Amino acid sequence: MGDLNARLMLIFLSIGWGVTWPIMKIALIEIPPLSMRMATAGIGAVTLFVVARLRGHNIRIAGKTTWAHVAIGGVLNIVGFSLFSAFAQLSATTARVTILTYTMPIWAGLLAWLFLGERLTIPRSVALTLCASGLAVLIYPLTSSGIPGGILLAIGAGVSWAAGTVYLKWARIGGDSVGFAAWQVVIGFVVIAACLPIFEGSPHLWPVSGPAIFGVVFTGIVGNGFAYVLWFEIIHRLPAMTASLGVLSVPVIGVVASMIVLGERPTFADIVGFGLIFAASACVMIWPQEQIADRAE
């Protein structure tokens, strides 16, 4: 039942994160990346602490070693991912950035195999192959004139996220997943806020239009709040490779949402790549449990 609940969480998480991508782009039209990410991290942290309070979670972090693990996880999962993905969207379409950020399962699969000893089972191998094929189809048309910086930043976001996911599994931190999620987002907020004066001067959050404000609030509450509640609970319950591959439906949802919200139109190569990546996600989500289970902790 726990595994089924985790898979249901993956579905809700994929929808939440997928819809967040184009809405975040609306905010980035008027608000610089660091200012936007500082605001969304702050809203996300408040959301997480409210959820923890209402659900009776223990948010205390005991011991310097545990704090160090949480801090490293926050830098990789929140800071690296947030900044790379935000800057990537300034020079590439949201659909492309969304898809390429989700090279994460490839890096997570390799890192989990190297550092956690997770097996490359048949469904995982099939999913990784489908994912790599889809990404190759997406990236190849861009290589003729050199890969844009936004593409490299998007892949960097995926690498940072993968490293953070595998690191937390390696650290084997006991305790409440919601509390750890909340403190990681707080660490992300502090680091981004410290960087903001260097790169942007003062925060640029006003005056902005109603849609931009909505983009910030939605991204903070859903993308940095409720979604992280689900994500850190998922990686607590499932093997790192399974959890990482399970969110491959996010870019597909993100692309469809970008078409509806932003009017972006995918090319034929995009459609083929999206299809392969969606198949990779489906492979993980529906394959019989007994064939994919490793120890989640």
Protein backbone atom coordinates (compact mmCIF):
# COMPACT_ATOMS: atom_id res chain seq x y z
CA MET A 1 0.00 0.00 0.00
CA GLY A 2 2.87 2.37 0.80
CA ASP A 3 4.30 1.85 -2.68
CA LEU A 4 0.87 2.50 -4.25
CA ASN A 5 0.49 5.70 -2.23
CA ALA A 6 3.93 6.85 -3.39
CA ARG A 7 2.94 6.24 -7.02
CA LEU A 8 -0.28 8.20 -6.55
CA MET A 9 1.84 10.99 -5.07
CA LEU A 10 3.98 10.87 -8.23
CA ILE A 11 0.88 11.49 -10.36
CA PHE A 12 -0.22 14.53 -8.33
CA LEU A 13 3.35 15.79 -8.18
CA SER A 14 3.75 15.51 -11.95
CA ILE A 15 0.59 17.53 -12.55
CA GLY A 16 1.61 20.21 -10.05
CA TRP A 17 5.14 20.64 -11.34
CA GLY A 18 4.08 20.36 -14.97
CA VAL A 19 1.58 23.22 -14.70
CA THR A 20 4.04 25.32 -12.69
CA TRP A 21 6.54 25.62 -15.56
CA PRO A 22 4.54 27.91 -17.91
CA ILE A 23 3.12 29.87 -14.99
CA MET A 24 6.67 30.48 -13.75
CA LYS A 25 7.58 31.78 -17.22
CA ILE A 26 4.81 34.40 -16.90
CA ALA A 27 6.47 35.69 -13.73
CA LEU A 28 9.91 35.71 -15.40
CA ILE A 29 8.66 38.03 -18.15
CA GLU A 30 8.62 40.88 -15.61
CA ILE A 31 10.69 39.69 -12.65
CA PRO A 32 14.44 38.84 -12.80
CA PRO A 33 15.34 35.21 -11.99
CA LEU A 34 16.94 35.72 -8.57
CA SER A 35 14.18 38.01 -7.35
CA MET A 36 11.54 35.58 -8.59
CA ARG A 37 13.22 32.54 -7.08
CA MET A 38 13.83 34.29 -3.75
CA ALA A 39 10.14 35.15 -3.54
CA THR A 40 8.94 31.68 -4.53
CA ALA A 41 11.35 30.02 -2.07
CA GLY A 42 10.06 32.27 0.72
CA ILE A 43 6.43 31.50 -0.10
CA GLY A 44 7.27 27.81 -0.46
CA ALA A 45 8.96 27.72 2.94
CA VAL A 46 5.97 29.34 4.63
CA THR A 47 3.65 26.87 2.88
CA LEU A 48 5.73 23.91 4.04
CA PHE A 49 5.81 25.07 7.65
CA VAL A 50 2.04 25.64 7.61
CA VAL A 51 1.49 22.13 6.22
CA ALA A 52 3.84 20.68 8.82
CA ARG A 53 2.02 22.52 11.60
CA LEU A 54 -1.47 21.49 10.44
CA ARG A 55 -0.46 17.85 10.01
CA GLY A 56 1.47 17.65 13.26
CA HIS A 57 4.88 16.99 11.71
CA ASN A 58 8.07 17.30 13.72
CA ILE A 59 10.23 19.97 12.07
CA ARG A 60 13.14 19.80 14.52
CA ILE A 61 16.56 18.96 13.09
CA ALA A 62 18.81 17.28 15.64
CA GLY A 63 22.59 17.24 15.42
CA LYS A 64 25.23 19.04 13.38
CA THR A 65 25.66 16.12 10.99
CA THR A 66 21.98 16.10 10.12
CA TRP A 67 22.02 19.87 9.61
CA ALA A 68 24.99 19.46 7.28
CA HIS A 69 23.11 16.85 5.22
CA VAL A 70 20.04 19.07 5.03
CA ALA A 71 22.15 22.08 4.01
CA ILE A 72 23.89 20.16 1.22
CA GLY A 73 20.56 18.78 0.07
CA GLY A 74 19.10 22.29 0.06
CA VAL A 75 21.93 23.68 -2.07
CA LEU A 76 21.64 20.87 -4.63
CA ASN A 77 17.86 20.33 -4.66
CA ILE A 78 16.69 23.91 -4.24
CA VAL A 79 19.42 26.44 -5.05
CA GLY A 80 21.06 24.69 -7.99
CA PHE A 81 17.82 23.52 -9.54
CA SER A 82 16.00 26.83 -9.00
CA LEU A 83 18.68 29.12 -10.40
CA PHE A 84 19.73 26.97 -13.35
CA SER A 85 16.12 26.42 -14.46
CA ALA A 86 15.11 30.08 -14.03
CA PHE A 87 18.06 31.45 -16.03
CA ALA A 88 17.54 28.74 -18.66
CA GLN A 89 14.03 30.00 -19.34
CA LEU A 90 15.38 33.43 -20.29
CA SER A 91 17.14 32.06 -23.37
CA ALA A 92 15.14 28.96 -24.33
CA THR A 93 11.48 28.04 -24.70
CA THR A 94 9.73 26.77 -21.59
CA ALA A 95 8.92 23.50 -23.33
CA ARG A 96 12.59 22.84 -24.14
CA VAL A 97 13.77 23.82 -20.66
CA THR A 98 11.15 21.63 -19.03
CA ILE A 99 12.11 18.61 -21.09
CA LEU A 100 15.87 19.05 -20.73
CA THR A 101 15.68 19.61 -16.99
CA TYR A 102 14.30 16.11 -16.86
CA THR A 103 17.56 14.62 -17.95
CA MET A 104 17.58 14.28 -14.17
CA PRO A 105 16.56 10.58 -14.24
CA ILE A 106 19.55 9.72 -16.42
CA TRP A 107 21.98 11.33 -13.98
CA ALA A 108 20.08 10.03 -10.95
CA GLY A 109 20.05 6.52 -12.36
CA LEU A 110 23.80 6.57 -12.95
CA LEU A 111 24.55 8.13 -9.56
CA ALA A 112 22.21 5.73 -7.74
CA TRP A 113 23.90 2.80 -9.47
CA LEU A 114 27.38 4.11 -8.55
CA PHE A 115 26.79 5.33 -4.99
CA LEU A 116 23.67 3.52 -3.73
CA GLY A 117 24.08 0.17 -5.41
CA GLU A 118 20.57 0.31 -6.89
CA ARG A 119 20.15 -2.30 -9.59
CA LEU A 120 19.54 -1.46 -13.25
CA THR A 121 16.52 -3.76 -13.47
CA ILE A 122 14.70 -4.42 -16.75
CA PRO A 123 12.03 -1.70 -16.32
CA ARG A 124 14.60 0.84 -15.18
CA SER A 125 16.91 0.00 -18.07
CA VAL A 126 14.03 0.29 -20.54
CA ALA A 127 12.93 3.59 -19.00
CA LEU A 128 16.45 5.03 -19.08
CA THR A 129 16.86 3.96 -22.70
CA LEU A 130 13.55 5.55 -23.69
CA CYS A 131 14.43 8.71 -21.77
CA ALA A 132 17.89 8.99 -23.36
CA SER A 133 16.41 8.38 -26.82
CA GLY A 134 13.77 11.05 -26.30
CA LEU A 135 16.33 13.57 -25.14
CA ALA A 136 18.61 12.77 -28.09
CA VAL A 137 15.71 13.45 -30.47
CA LEU A 138 15.05 16.76 -28.72
CA ILE A 139 18.65 17.98 -28.55
CA TYR A 140 19.94 16.89 -31.96
CA PRO A 141 18.13 19.59 -34.01
CA LEU A 142 19.78 22.24 -31.80
CA THR A 143 23.36 21.11 -32.34
CA SER A 144 23.79 22.40 -35.92
CA SER A 145 24.40 25.98 -34.78
CA GLY A 146 25.80 25.20 -31.35
CA ILE A 147 23.85 24.34 -28.24
CA PRO A 148 22.33 27.51 -26.67
CA GLY A 149 23.36 28.43 -23.14
CA GLY A 150 19.80 27.97 -21.95
CA ILE A 151 19.96 24.32 -22.95
CA LEU A 152 23.14 23.75 -20.95
CA LEU A 153 21.62 25.52 -17.94
CA ALA A 154 18.53 23.31 -18.17
CA ILE A 155 20.69 20.19 -18.18
CA GLY A 156 22.63 21.67 -15.25
CA ALA A 157 19.36 21.95 -13.33
CA GLY A 158 18.74 18.26 -13.94
CA VAL A 159 22.24 17.29 -12.79
CA SER A 160 21.94 19.36 -9.60
CA TRP A 161 18.53 17.91 -8.78
CA ALA A 162 19.75 14.34 -9.42
CA ALA A 163 22.78 14.85 -7.18
CA GLY A 164 20.57 16.20 -4.40
CA THR A 165 18.13 13.31 -4.67
CA VAL A 166 20.84 10.66 -4.56
CA TYR A 167 22.74 12.48 -1.82
CA LEU A 168 19.72 12.44 0.51
CA LYS A 169 19.20 8.73 -0.13
CA TRP A 170 22.90 8.13 0.58
CA ALA A 171 22.79 10.21 3.79
CA ARG A 172 19.90 8.09 5.14
CA ILE A 173 18.53 10.90 7.25
CA GLY A 174 15.93 9.67 9.69
CA GLY A 175 13.03 11.84 10.75
CA ASP A 176 10.18 13.75 9.20
CA SER A 177 10.34 14.26 5.43
CA VAL A 178 8.13 17.38 5.50
CA GLY A 179 10.35 18.98 8.13
CA PHE A 180 13.46 18.27 6.05
CA ALA A 181 11.75 19.64 2.95
CA ALA A 182 10.83 22.85 4.79
CA TRP A 183 14.36 23.47 6.04
CA GLN A 184 15.88 22.75 2.64
CA VAL A 185 13.63 25.39 1.08
CA VAL A 186 14.61 27.81 3.88
CA ILE A 187 18.28 27.18 3.08
CA GLY A 188 17.50 27.78 -0.58
CA PHE A 189 15.83 31.07 0.29
CA VAL A 190 18.79 32.23 2.40
CA VAL A 191 21.41 31.36 -0.24
CA ILE A 192 19.44 32.96 -3.09
CA ALA A 193 18.75 36.06 -0.99
CA ALA A 194 22.49 36.33 -0.25
CA CYS A 195 23.32 36.13 -3.96
CA LEU A 196 20.67 38.62 -5.06
CA PRO A 197 22.52 41.87 -4.09
CA ILE A 198 25.57 40.70 -6.05
CA PHE A 199 23.75 39.96 -9.31
CA GLU A 200 20.56 42.06 -9.24
CA GLY A 201 21.10 44.69 -6.57
CA SER A 202 17.82 45.03 -4.72
CA PRO A 203 14.81 42.70 -5.17
CA HIS A 204 12.74 43.59 -8.25
CA LEU A 205 9.28 42.49 -7.17
CA TRP A 206 7.30 45.71 -7.62
CA PRO A 207 5.66 47.18 -9.60
CA VAL A 208 4.53 44.16 -11.63
CA SER A 209 1.29 43.10 -13.24
CA GLY A 210 -1.37 40.83 -11.78
CA PRO A 211 -0.34 37.83 -13.92
CA ALA A 212 3.27 38.13 -12.73
CA ILE A 213 2.15 38.25 -9.09
CA PHE A 214 -0.04 35.20 -9.70
CA GLY A 215 2.93 33.43 -11.29
CA VAL A 216 5.10 34.05 -8.22
CA VAL A 217 2.42 33.05 -5.72
CA PHE A 218 1.39 29.92 -7.62
CA THR A 219 5.00 28.82 -8.13
CA GLY A 220 5.73 29.39 -4.45
CA ILE A 221 2.69 27.60 -3.04
CA VAL A 222 2.40 24.75 -5.55
CA GLY A 223 5.87 24.35 -7.10
CA ASN A 224 7.96 25.11 -3.98
CA GLY A 225 5.41 24.19 -1.32
CA PHE A 226 2.97 21.33 -1.84
CA ALA A 227 5.10 19.73 -4.57
CA TYR A 228 8.12 19.47 -2.28
CA VAL A 229 5.95 17.89 0.42
CA LEU A 230 5.14 15.16 -2.10
CA TRP A 231 8.64 14.89 -3.59
CA PHE A 232 10.59 14.44 -0.37
CA GLU A 233 8.00 11.95 0.89
CA ILE A 234 8.34 10.03 -2.38
CA ILE A 235 12.14 9.80 -2.25
CA HIS A 236 11.80 8.69 1.37
CA ARG A 237 9.54 5.80 0.29
CA LEU A 238 10.89 4.77 -3.11
CA PRO A 239 14.36 3.98 -4.50
CA ALA A 240 16.04 7.08 -5.94
CA MET A 241 16.03 5.68 -9.49
CA THR A 242 12.33 4.77 -9.41
CA ALA A 243 11.32 8.14 -7.98
CA SER A 244 13.44 10.01 -10.52
CA LEU A 245 12.08 8.08 -13.49
CA GLY A 246 8.53 8.40 -12.16
CA VAL A 247 8.46 12.17 -12.64
CA LEU A 248 9.25 11.93 -16.35
CA SER A 249 5.61 12.77 -17.08
CA VAL A 250 6.22 16.29 -15.73
CA PRO A 251 7.80 17.63 -18.94
CA VAL A 252 4.98 16.21 -21.06
CA ILE A 253 2.42 17.95 -18.86
CA GLY A 254 4.61 21.07 -18.87
CA VAL A 255 4.75 21.14 -22.66
CA VAL A 256 0.98 20.74 -23.02
CA ALA A 257 0.47 23.46 -20.41
CA SER A 258 2.95 25.71 -22.26
CA MET A 259 0.96 25.25 -25.46
CA ILE A 260 -2.23 26.27 -23.70
CA VAL A 261 -0.88 29.08 -21.50
CA LEU A 262 2.00 30.49 -23.59
CA GLY A 263 0.97 29.51 -27.12
CA GLU A 264 4.19 27.56 -27.73
CA ARG A 265 4.01 24.97 -30.51
CA PRO A 266 6.25 21.88 -30.46
CA THR A 267 8.04 20.68 -33.59
CA PHE A 268 7.76 17.14 -34.93
CA ALA A 269 11.01 16.26 -33.15
CA ASP A 270 9.55 17.64 -29.93
CA ILE A 271 6.48 15.43 -30.27
CA VAL A 272 8.57 12.31 -30.90
CA GLY A 273 10.87 13.14 -27.98
CA PHE A 274 7.95 13.86 -25.66
CA GLY A 275 6.35 10.55 -26.62
CA LEU A 276 9.49 8.58 -25.80
CA ILE A 277 9.88 10.32 -22.45
CA PHE A 278 6.23 9.78 -21.56
CA ALA A 279 6.67 6.08 -22.39
CA ALA A 280 9.65 5.99 -20.01
CA SER A 281 7.50 7.40 -17.22
CA ALA A 282 4.68 4.96 -17.95
CA CYS A 283 7.18 2.10 -17.80
CA VAL A 284 8.05 2.98 -14.21
CA MET A 285 4.53 3.83 -13.11
CA ILE A 286 2.74 0.67 -14.30
CA TRP A 287 5.41 -2.05 -14.18
CA PRO A 288 4.57 -4.69 -11.53
CA GLN A 289 5.88 -3.67 -8.13
CA GLU A 290 7.77 -6.84 -7.41
CA GLN A 291 9.93 -6.39 -10.50
CA ILE A 292 11.19 -2.93 -9.64
CA ALA A 293 11.45 -2.83 -5.88
CA ASP A 294 14.76 -2.23 -4.21
CA ARG A 295 15.12 -1.11 -0.66
CA ALA A 296 13.87 2.47 -0.52
CA GLU A 297 16.01 3.33 2.41
